Amino acid sequence: MDKTNIAFCFDENLWMQVSVAITSLLYHSKGKCSYHIYCIIPMAINQFMREEIENIAKERDSDSTLIFLEANHDFD
């Protein structure tokens, strides 16, 4: 089964909302499809926030992958 690519761009102000979106996405697609979930984040995002999102993904769907990409000035 091919994985679908999904990207979220956020900072420390929206990490909870992204967590909810990822939780819902993985909950409702369990056993149907898997994802490559790209999280494009600022370099200074809190490690706790990153780990919380990683834990959500691992608990909900071990077949999906979570990839963090640090945004740089290419997005300015």
Protein backbone atom coordinates (compact mmCIF):
# COMPACT_ATOMS: atom_id res chain seq x y z
CA MET A 1 0.00 0.00 0.00
CA ASP A 2 1.37 3.40 -0.98
CA LYS A 3 1.56 6.09 1.64
CA THR A 4 -0.15 9.43 1.14
CA ASN A 5 1.95 12.55 1.74
CA ILE A 6 0.50 15.19 4.06
CA ALA A 7 2.18 18.38 5.27
CA PHE A 8 1.48 20.61 8.25
CA CYS A 9 3.26 23.95 8.67
CA PHE A 10 3.05 25.36 12.18
CA ASP A 11 4.84 26.96 15.09
CA GLU A 12 4.51 26.72 18.88
CA ASN A 13 1.21 28.61 18.73
CA LEU A 14 -0.55 25.92 16.69
CA TRP A 15 1.03 22.65 17.79
CA MET A 16 -2.03 21.56 19.80
CA GLN A 17 -4.35 22.10 16.82
CA VAL A 18 -1.98 20.11 14.60
CA SER A 19 -1.91 17.35 17.23
CA VAL A 20 -5.71 17.15 17.12
CA ALA A 21 -5.71 17.09 13.32
CA ILE A 22 -3.12 14.30 13.21
CA THR A 23 -5.00 12.33 15.86
CA SER A 24 -8.23 12.59 13.88
CA LEU A 25 -6.54 11.75 10.60
CA LEU A 26 -4.91 8.61 11.97
CA TYR A 27 -7.94 7.52 13.97
CA HIS A 28 -10.29 7.68 11.00
CA SER A 29 -7.91 6.05 8.52
CA LYS A 30 -6.70 3.18 10.73
CA GLY A 31 -6.39 0.04 8.60
CA LYS A 32 -7.42 1.89 5.43
CA CYS A 33 -4.28 3.82 4.49
CA SER A 34 -1.00 5.10 5.85
CA TYR A 35 0.71 8.46 5.63
CA HIS A 36 4.01 10.25 5.43
CA ILE A 37 3.19 13.21 7.69
CA TYR A 38 5.58 16.12 7.20
CA CYS A 39 5.70 18.71 9.96
CA ILE A 40 7.41 21.88 8.79
CA ILE A 41 8.37 23.75 11.92
CA PRO A 42 10.59 26.64 13.02
CA MET A 43 14.04 25.68 14.25
CA ALA A 44 13.28 26.92 17.76
CA ILE A 45 10.16 24.81 18.44
CA ASN A 46 10.04 23.25 21.88
CA GLN A 47 11.30 19.64 22.09
CA PHE A 48 8.34 18.70 24.32
CA MET A 49 5.91 19.72 21.58
CA ARG A 50 7.78 17.67 19.00
CA GLU A 51 7.80 14.60 21.26
CA GLU A 52 4.08 14.91 22.01
CA ILE A 53 3.25 14.88 18.31
CA GLU A 54 5.59 11.91 17.74
CA ASN A 55 3.88 9.97 20.55
CA ILE A 56 0.44 10.64 19.09
CA ALA A 57 1.52 9.30 15.71
CA LYS A 58 3.16 6.19 17.19
CA GLU A 59 0.14 5.37 19.36
CA ARG A 60 -2.42 5.84 16.58
CA ASP A 61 -0.75 4.26 13.56
CA SER A 62 2.62 2.55 13.54
CA ASP A 63 2.47 2.22 9.73
CA SER A 64 2.47 5.98 9.18
CA THR A 65 5.67 7.99 9.42
CA LEU A 66 6.21 11.41 10.95
CA ILE A 67 8.95 13.58 9.47
CA PHE A 68 9.99 16.91 10.99
CA LEU A 69 11.52 19.46 8.63
CA GLU A 70 12.94 22.63 10.05
CA ALA A 71 11.82 25.68 8.13
CA ASN A 72 14.58 27.98 7.08
CA HIS A 73 14.59 31.35 5.41
CA ASP A 74 13.48 29.82 2.10
CA PHE A 75 9.92 30.45 3.32
CA ASP A 76 10.37 34.14 4.15
